[in-house]
Amino acid sequence: MSSSGDSLSRAEELLARLEAARGELEQLSGQPDASPERALEILNELSELAKAVEEELDRAKRAAEADAARP
């Protein structure tokens, strides 16, 4: 698999983790006795995952551009 393909695969895995965390936060928001601390932990996790996805997509883009520039 190419470097861009590897980055895209990692981005997809990170997106799946992001979606799972988002679902957990949504579930938590529906609980009257939900822990605000846990909600903050999930929000931090979402932020970190979103940044990681963006980094992987940037890597994939750079790798694809490098591949396209090769003869």
PDB file of N, CA and C in Angstrom:
ATOM      1  N   MET A   1       0.840  -1.172   0.000  1.00  0.00           N
ATOM      2  CA  MET A   1       0.000   0.000   0.000  1.00  0.00           C
ATOM      3  C   MET A   1       0.890   1.242   0.000  1.00  0.00           C
ATOM      4  N   SER A   2       0.430   2.288  -0.662  1.00  0.00           N
ATOM      5  CA  SER A   2       1.216   3.515  -0.748  1.00  0.00           C
ATOM      6  C   SER A   2       1.168   4.273   0.570  1.00  0.00           C
ATOM      7  N   SER A   3       2.056   5.223   0.686  1.00  0.00           N
ATOM      8  CA  SER A   3       2.101   6.056   1.880  1.00  0.00           C
ATOM      9  C   SER A   3       0.794   6.815   2.052  1.00  0.00           C
ATOM     10  N   SER A   4       0.230   7.308   0.951  1.00  0.00           N
ATOM     11  CA  SER A   4      -1.049   8.017   1.045  1.00  0.00           C
ATOM     12  C   SER A   4      -2.158   7.053   1.461  1.00  0.00           C
ATOM     13  N   GLY A   5      -2.087   5.824   0.974  1.00  0.00           N
ATOM     14  CA  GLY A   5      -3.076   4.819   1.364  1.00  0.00           C
ATOM     15  C   GLY A   5      -2.987   4.470   2.838  1.00  0.00           C
ATOM     16  N   ASP A   6      -1.751   4.385   3.348  1.00  0.00           N
ATOM     17  CA  ASP A   6      -1.558   4.120   4.780  1.00  0.00           C
ATOM     18  C   ASP A   6      -2.151   5.242   5.620  1.00  0.00           C
ATOM     19  N   SER A   7      -1.902   6.470   5.207  1.00  0.00           N
ATOM     20  CA  SER A   7      -2.426   7.621   5.947  1.00  0.00           C
ATOM     21  C   SER A   7      -3.946   7.642   5.901  1.00  0.00           C
ATOM     22  N   LEU A   8      -4.504   7.320   4.745  1.00  0.00           N
ATOM     23  CA  LEU A   8      -5.963   7.289   4.639  1.00  0.00           C
ATOM     24  C   LEU A   8      -6.555   6.201   5.523  1.00  0.00           C
ATOM     25  N   SER A   9      -5.900   5.053   5.588  1.00  0.00           N
ATOM     26  CA  SER A   9      -6.379   3.972   6.460  1.00  0.00           C
ATOM     27  C   SER A   9      -6.343   4.398   7.923  1.00  0.00           C
ATOM     28  N   ARG A  10      -5.247   5.049   8.319  1.00  0.00           N
ATOM     29  CA  ARG A  10      -5.153   5.532   9.699  1.00  0.00           C
ATOM     30  C   ARG A  10      -6.216   6.590   9.966  1.00  0.00           C
ATOM     31  N   ALA A  11      -6.461   7.460   9.000  1.00  0.00           N
ATOM     32  CA  ALA A  11      -7.495   8.490   9.158  1.00  0.00           C
ATOM     33  C   ALA A  11      -8.863   7.850   9.334  1.00  0.00           C
ATOM     34  N   GLU A  12      -9.138   6.797   8.577  1.00  0.00           N
ATOM     35  CA  GLU A  12     -10.417   6.099   8.710  1.00  0.00           C
ATOM     36  C   GLU A  12     -10.563   5.471  10.097  1.00  0.00           C
ATOM     37  N   GLU A  13      -9.480   4.885  10.599  1.00  0.00           N
ATOM     38  CA  GLU A  13      -9.517   4.305  11.948  1.00  0.00           C
ATOM     39  C   GLU A  13      -9.759   5.387  12.995  1.00  0.00           C
ATOM     40  N   LEU A  14      -9.087   6.511  12.830  1.00  0.00           N
ATOM     41  CA  LEU A  14      -9.270   7.621  13.767  1.00  0.00           C
ATOM     42  C   LEU A  14     -10.701   8.168  13.692  1.00  0.00           C
ATOM     43  N   LEU A  15     -11.246   8.236  12.487  1.00  0.00           N
ATOM     44  CA  LEU A  15     -12.627   8.701  12.341  1.00  0.00           C
ATOM     45  C   LEU A  15     -13.603   7.760  13.035  1.00  0.00           C
ATOM     46  N   ALA A  16     -13.339   6.476  12.978  1.00  0.00           N
ATOM     47  CA  ALA A  16     -14.196   5.510  13.668  1.00  0.00           C
ATOM     48  C   ALA A  16     -14.126   5.729  15.180  1.00  0.00           C
ATOM     49  N   ARG A  17     -12.919   5.978  15.687  1.00  0.00           N
ATOM     50  CA  ARG A  17     -12.765   6.266  17.118  1.00  0.00           C
ATOM     51  C   ARG A  17     -13.456   7.571  17.475  1.00  0.00           C
ATOM     52  N   LEU A  18     -13.355   8.559  16.591  1.00  0.00           N
ATOM     53  CA  LEU A  18     -14.004   9.845  16.828  1.00  0.00           C
ATOM     54  C   LEU A  18     -15.516   9.659  16.905  1.00  0.00           C
ATOM     55  N   GLU A  19     -16.060   8.885  15.990  1.00  0.00           N
ATOM     56  CA  GLU A  19     -17.504   8.634  15.986  1.00  0.00           C
ATOM     57  C   GLU A  19     -17.945   7.896  17.251  1.00  0.00           C
ATOM     58  N   ALA A  20     -17.138   6.949  17.715  1.00  0.00           N
ATOM     59  CA  ALA A  20     -17.469   6.224  18.944  1.00  0.00           C
ATOM     60  C   ALA A  20     -17.466   7.173  20.142  1.00  0.00           C
ATOM     61  N   ALA A  21     -16.499   8.055  20.200  1.00  0.00           N
ATOM     62  CA  ALA A  21     -16.426   9.022  21.303  1.00  0.00           C
ATOM     63  C   ALA A  21     -17.601   9.991  21.231  1.00  0.00           C
ATOM     64  N   ARG A  22     -17.958  10.411  20.016  1.00  0.00           N
ATOM     65  CA  ARG A  22     -19.101  11.309  19.855  1.00  0.00           C
ATOM     66  C   ARG A  22     -20.386  10.631  20.330  1.00  0.00           C
ATOM     67  N   GLY A  23     -20.520   9.356  19.995  1.00  0.00           N
ATOM     68  CA  GLY A  23     -21.689   8.603  20.451  1.00  0.00           C
ATOM     69  C   GLY A  23     -21.733   8.489  21.966  1.00  0.00           C
ATOM     70  N   GLU A  24     -20.574   8.280  22.572  1.00  0.00           N
ATOM     71  CA  GLU A  24     -20.520   8.200  24.035  1.00  0.00           C
ATOM     72  C   GLU A  24     -20.918   9.530  24.663  1.00  0.00           C
ATOM     73  N   LEU A  25     -20.456  10.623  24.069  1.00  0.00           N
ATOM     74  CA  LEU A  25     -20.813  11.945  24.590  1.00  0.00           C
ATOM     75  C   LEU A  25     -22.306  12.189  24.445  1.00  0.00           C
ATOM     76  N   GLU A  26     -22.862  11.792  23.315  1.00  0.00           N
ATOM     77  CA  GLU A  26     -24.303  11.946  23.103  1.00  0.00           C
ATOM     78  C   GLU A  26     -25.093  11.136  24.130  1.00  0.00           C
ATOM     79  N   GLN A  27     -24.650   9.925  24.379  1.00  0.00           N
ATOM     80  CA  GLN A  27     -25.314   9.072  25.361  1.00  0.00           C
ATOM     81  C   GLN A  27     -25.207   9.686  26.756  1.00  0.00           C
ATOM     82  N   LEU A  28     -24.029  10.200  27.052  1.00  0.00           N
ATOM     83  CA  LEU A  28     -23.790  10.819  28.356  1.00  0.00           C
ATOM     84  C   LEU A  28     -24.680  12.045  28.550  1.00  0.00           C
ATOM     85  N   SER A  29     -24.887  12.803  27.487  1.00  0.00           N
ATOM     86  CA  SER A  29     -25.692  14.021  27.599  1.00  0.00           C
ATOM     87  C   SER A  29     -27.151  13.716  27.918  1.00  0.00           C
ATOM     88  N   GLY A  30     -27.580  12.505  27.632  1.00  0.00           N
ATOM     89  CA  GLY A  30     -28.958  12.123  27.923  1.00  0.00           C
ATOM     90  C   GLY A  30     -29.165  11.607  29.335  1.00  0.00           C
ATOM     91  N   GLN A  31     -28.102  11.535  30.112  1.00  0.00           N
ATOM     92  CA  GLN A  31     -28.201  11.033  31.480  1.00  0.00           C
ATOM     93  C   GLN A  31     -28.275  12.205  32.457  1.00  0.00           C
ATOM     94  N   PRO A  32     -29.312  12.223  33.297  1.00  0.00           N
ATOM     95  CA  PRO A  32     -29.453  13.343  34.232  1.00  0.00           C
ATOM     96  C   PRO A  32     -28.320  13.424  35.263  1.00  0.00           C
ATOM     97  N   ASP A  33     -27.714  12.309  35.582  1.00  0.00           N
ATOM     98  CA  ASP A  33     -26.646  12.304  36.589  1.00  0.00           C
ATOM     99  C   ASP A  33     -25.262  12.141  35.936  1.00  0.00           C
ATOM    100  N   ALA A  34     -25.142  12.612  34.689  1.00  0.00           N
ATOM    101  CA  ALA A  34     -23.893  12.460  33.939  1.00  0.00           C
ATOM    102  C   ALA A  34     -22.757  13.225  34.611  1.00  0.00           C
ATOM    103  N   SER A  35     -21.593  12.651  34.509  1.00  0.00           N
ATOM    104  CA  SER A  35     -20.394  13.243  35.087  1.00  0.00           C
ATOM    105  C   SER A  35     -19.854  14.340  34.171  1.00  0.00           C
ATOM    106  N   PRO A  36     -19.799  15.587  34.662  1.00  0.00           N
ATOM    107  CA  PRO A  36     -19.222  16.655  33.843  1.00  0.00           C
ATOM    108  C   PRO A  36     -17.745  16.395  33.543  1.00  0.00           C
ATOM    109  N   GLU A  37     -17.057  15.746  34.476  1.00  0.00           N
ATOM    110  CA  GLU A  37     -15.652  15.435  34.260  1.00  0.00           C
ATOM    111  C   GLU A  37     -15.484  14.475  33.085  1.00  0.00           C
ATOM    112  N   ARG A  38     -16.354  13.477  33.002  1.00  0.00           N
ATOM    113  CA  ARG A  38     -16.288  12.515  31.898  1.00  0.00           C
ATOM    114  C   ARG A  38     -16.609  13.212  30.580  1.00  0.00           C
ATOM    115  N   ALA A  39     -17.574  14.115  30.612  1.00  0.00           N
ATOM    116  CA  ALA A  39     -17.915  14.858  29.397  1.00  0.00           C
ATOM    117  C   ALA A  39     -16.707  15.661  28.916  1.00  0.00           C
ATOM    118  N   LEU A  40     -15.990  16.286  29.821  1.00  0.00           N
ATOM    119  CA  LEU A  40     -14.795  17.040  29.449  1.00  0.00           C
ATOM    120  C   LEU A  40     -13.715  16.129  28.898  1.00  0.00           C
ATOM    121  N   GLU A  41     -13.563  14.945  29.488  1.00  0.00           N
ATOM    122  CA  GLU A  41     -12.589  13.977  28.978  1.00  0.00           C
ATOM    123  C   GLU A  41     -12.919  13.600  27.537  1.00  0.00           C
ATOM    124  N   ILE A  42     -14.189  13.361  27.279  1.00  0.00           N
ATOM    125  CA  ILE A  42     -14.614  12.969  25.933  1.00  0.00           C
ATOM    126  C   ILE A  42     -14.392  14.119  24.963  1.00  0.00           C
ATOM    127  N   LEU A  43     -14.706  15.349  25.383  1.00  0.00           N
ATOM    128  CA  LEU A  43     -14.490  16.502  24.520  1.00  0.00           C
ATOM    129  C   LEU A  43     -13.006  16.661  24.180  1.00  0.00           C
ATOM    130  N   ASN A  44     -12.145  16.455  25.158  1.00  0.00           N
ATOM    131  CA  ASN A  44     -10.708  16.513  24.901  1.00  0.00           C
ATOM    132  C   ASN A  44     -10.283  15.421  23.924  1.00  0.00           C
ATOM    133  N   GLU A  45     -10.839  14.228  24.118  1.00  0.00           N
ATOM    134  CA  GLU A  45     -10.531  13.115  23.217  1.00  0.00           C
ATOM    135  C   GLU A  45     -10.988  13.438  21.799  1.00  0.00           C
ATOM    136  N   LEU A  46     -12.181  14.012  21.674  1.00  0.00           N
ATOM    137  CA  LEU A  46     -12.684  14.387  20.356  1.00  0.00           C
ATOM    138  C   LEU A  46     -11.758  15.394  19.685  1.00  0.00           C
ATOM    139  N   SER A  47     -11.300  16.360  20.455  1.00  0.00           N
ATOM    140  CA  SER A  47     -10.390  17.368  19.920  1.00  0.00           C
ATOM    141  C   SER A  47      -9.085  16.740  19.436  1.00  0.00           C
ATOM    142  N   GLU A  48      -8.514  15.868  20.251  1.00  0.00           N
ATOM    143  CA  GLU A  48      -7.261  15.201  19.884  1.00  0.00           C
ATOM    144  C   GLU A  48      -7.440  14.318  18.650  1.00  0.00           C
ATOM    145  N   LEU A  49      -8.546  13.597  18.605  1.00  0.00           N
ATOM    146  CA  LEU A  49      -8.796  12.732  17.458  1.00  0.00           C
ATOM    147  C   LEU A  49      -8.997  13.552  16.186  1.00  0.00           C
ATOM    148  N   ALA A  50      -9.718  14.655  16.285  1.00  0.00           N
ATOM    149  CA  ALA A  50      -9.932  15.504  15.113  1.00  0.00           C
ATOM    150  C   ALA A  50      -8.604  16.047  14.588  1.00  0.00           C
ATOM    151  N   LYS A  51      -7.727  16.450  15.486  1.00  0.00           N
ATOM    152  CA  LYS A  51      -6.406  16.931  15.069  1.00  0.00           C
ATOM    153  C   LYS A  51      -5.612  15.814  14.396  1.00  0.00           C
ATOM    154  N   ALA A  52      -5.684  14.620  14.957  1.00  0.00           N
ATOM    155  CA  ALA A  52      -4.950  13.486  14.388  1.00  0.00           C
ATOM    156  C   ALA A  52      -5.484  13.135  12.998  1.00  0.00           C
ATOM    157  N   VAL A  53      -6.799  13.195  12.819  1.00  0.00           N
ATOM    158  CA  VAL A  53      -7.388  12.933  11.508  1.00  0.00           C
ATOM    159  C   VAL A  53      -6.881  13.964  10.505  1.00  0.00           C
ATOM    160  N   GLU A  54      -6.889  15.227  10.909  1.00  0.00           N
ATOM    161  CA  GLU A  54      -6.414  16.284  10.022  1.00  0.00           C
ATOM    162  C   GLU A  54      -4.952  16.065   9.629  1.00  0.00           C
ATOM    163  N   GLU A  55      -4.125  15.667  10.579  1.00  0.00           N
ATOM    164  CA  GLU A  55      -2.717  15.403  10.297  1.00  0.00           C
ATOM    165  C   GLU A  55      -2.554  14.250   9.307  1.00  0.00           C
ATOM    166  N   GLU A  56      -3.328  13.187   9.499  1.00  0.00           N
ATOM    167  CA  GLU A  56      -3.234  12.040   8.590  1.00  0.00           C
ATOM    168  C   GLU A  56      -3.694  12.420   7.188  1.00  0.00           C
ATOM    169  N   LEU A  57      -4.747  13.213   7.092  1.00  0.00           N
ATOM    170  CA  LEU A  57      -5.218  13.644   5.777  1.00  0.00           C
ATOM    171  C   LEU A  57      -4.185  14.537   5.093  1.00  0.00           C
ATOM    172  N   ASP A  58      -3.527  15.387   5.866  1.00  0.00           N
ATOM    173  CA  ASP A  58      -2.450  16.215   5.310  1.00  0.00           C
ATOM    174  C   ASP A  58      -1.308  15.336   4.805  1.00  0.00           C
ATOM    175  N   ARG A  59      -0.947  14.303   5.582  1.00  0.00           N
ATOM    176  CA  ARG A  59       0.107  13.379   5.151  1.00  0.00           C
ATOM    177  C   ARG A  59      -0.283  12.678   3.852  1.00  0.00           C
ATOM    178  N   ALA A  60      -1.534  12.240   3.806  1.00  0.00           N
ATOM    179  CA  ALA A  60      -2.014  11.549   2.613  1.00  0.00           C
ATOM    180  C   ALA A  60      -1.960  12.475   1.402  1.00  0.00           C
ATOM    181  N   LYS A  61      -2.344  13.708   1.595  1.00  0.00           N
ATOM    182  CA  LYS A  61      -2.324  14.671   0.493  1.00  0.00           C
ATOM    183  C   LYS A  61      -0.890  14.904   0.008  1.00  0.00           C
ATOM    184  N   ARG A  62       0.032  15.113   0.951  1.00  0.00           N
ATOM    185  CA  ARG A  62       1.431  15.334   0.574  1.00  0.00           C
ATOM    186  C   ARG A  62       1.999  14.111  -0.150  1.00  0.00           C
ATOM    187  N   ALA A  63       1.679  12.915   0.344  1.00  0.00           N
ATOM    188  CA  ALA A  63       2.180  11.690  -0.285  1.00  0.00           C
ATOM    189  C   ALA A  63       1.606  11.527  -1.688  1.00  0.00           C
ATOM    190  N   ALA A  64       0.320  11.837  -1.844  1.00  0.00           N
ATOM    191  CA  ALA A  64      -0.299  11.722  -3.160  1.00  0.00           C
ATOM    192  C   ALA A  64       0.304  12.737  -4.127  1.00  0.00           C
ATOM    193  N   GLU A  65       0.575  13.939  -3.640  1.00  0.00           N
ATOM    194  CA  GLU A  65       1.206  14.948  -4.494  1.00  0.00           C
ATOM    195  C   GLU A  65       2.615  14.521  -4.890  1.00  0.00           C
ATOM    196  N   ALA A  66       3.350  13.938  -3.929  1.00  0.00           N
ATOM    197  CA  ALA A  66       4.707  13.464  -4.225  1.00  0.00           C
ATOM    198  C   ALA A  66       4.651  12.325  -5.246  1.00  0.00           C
ATOM    199  N   ASP A  67       3.689  11.412  -5.078  1.00  0.00           N
ATOM    200  CA  ASP A  67       3.552  10.304  -6.035  1.00  0.00           C
ATOM    201  C   ASP A  67       3.220  10.830  -7.432  1.00  0.00           C
ATOM    202  N   ALA A  68       2.368  11.843  -7.493  1.00  0.00           N
ATOM    203  CA  ALA A  68       1.961  12.402  -8.783  1.00  0.00           C
ATOM    204  C   ALA A  68       3.113  13.129  -9.466  1.00  0.00           C
ATOM    205  N   ALA A  69       4.029  13.664  -8.671  1.00  0.00           N
ATOM    206  CA  ALA A  69       5.152  14.406  -9.228  1.00  0.00           C
ATOM    207  C   ALA A  69       6.242  13.486  -9.771  1.00  0.00           C
ATOM    208  N   ARG A  70       6.219  12.220  -9.369  1.00  0.00           N
ATOM    209  CA  ARG A  70       7.220  11.270  -9.863  1.00  0.00           C
ATOM    210  C   ARG A  70       6.908  10.870 -11.289  1.00  0.00           C
ATOM    211  N   PRO A  71       7.958  10.748 -12.091  1.00  0.00           N
ATOM    212  CA  PRO A  71       7.733  10.346 -13.501  1.00  0.00           C
ATOM    213  C   PRO A  71       7.319   8.899 -13.630  1.00  0.00           C
TER     214      PRO A  71
END
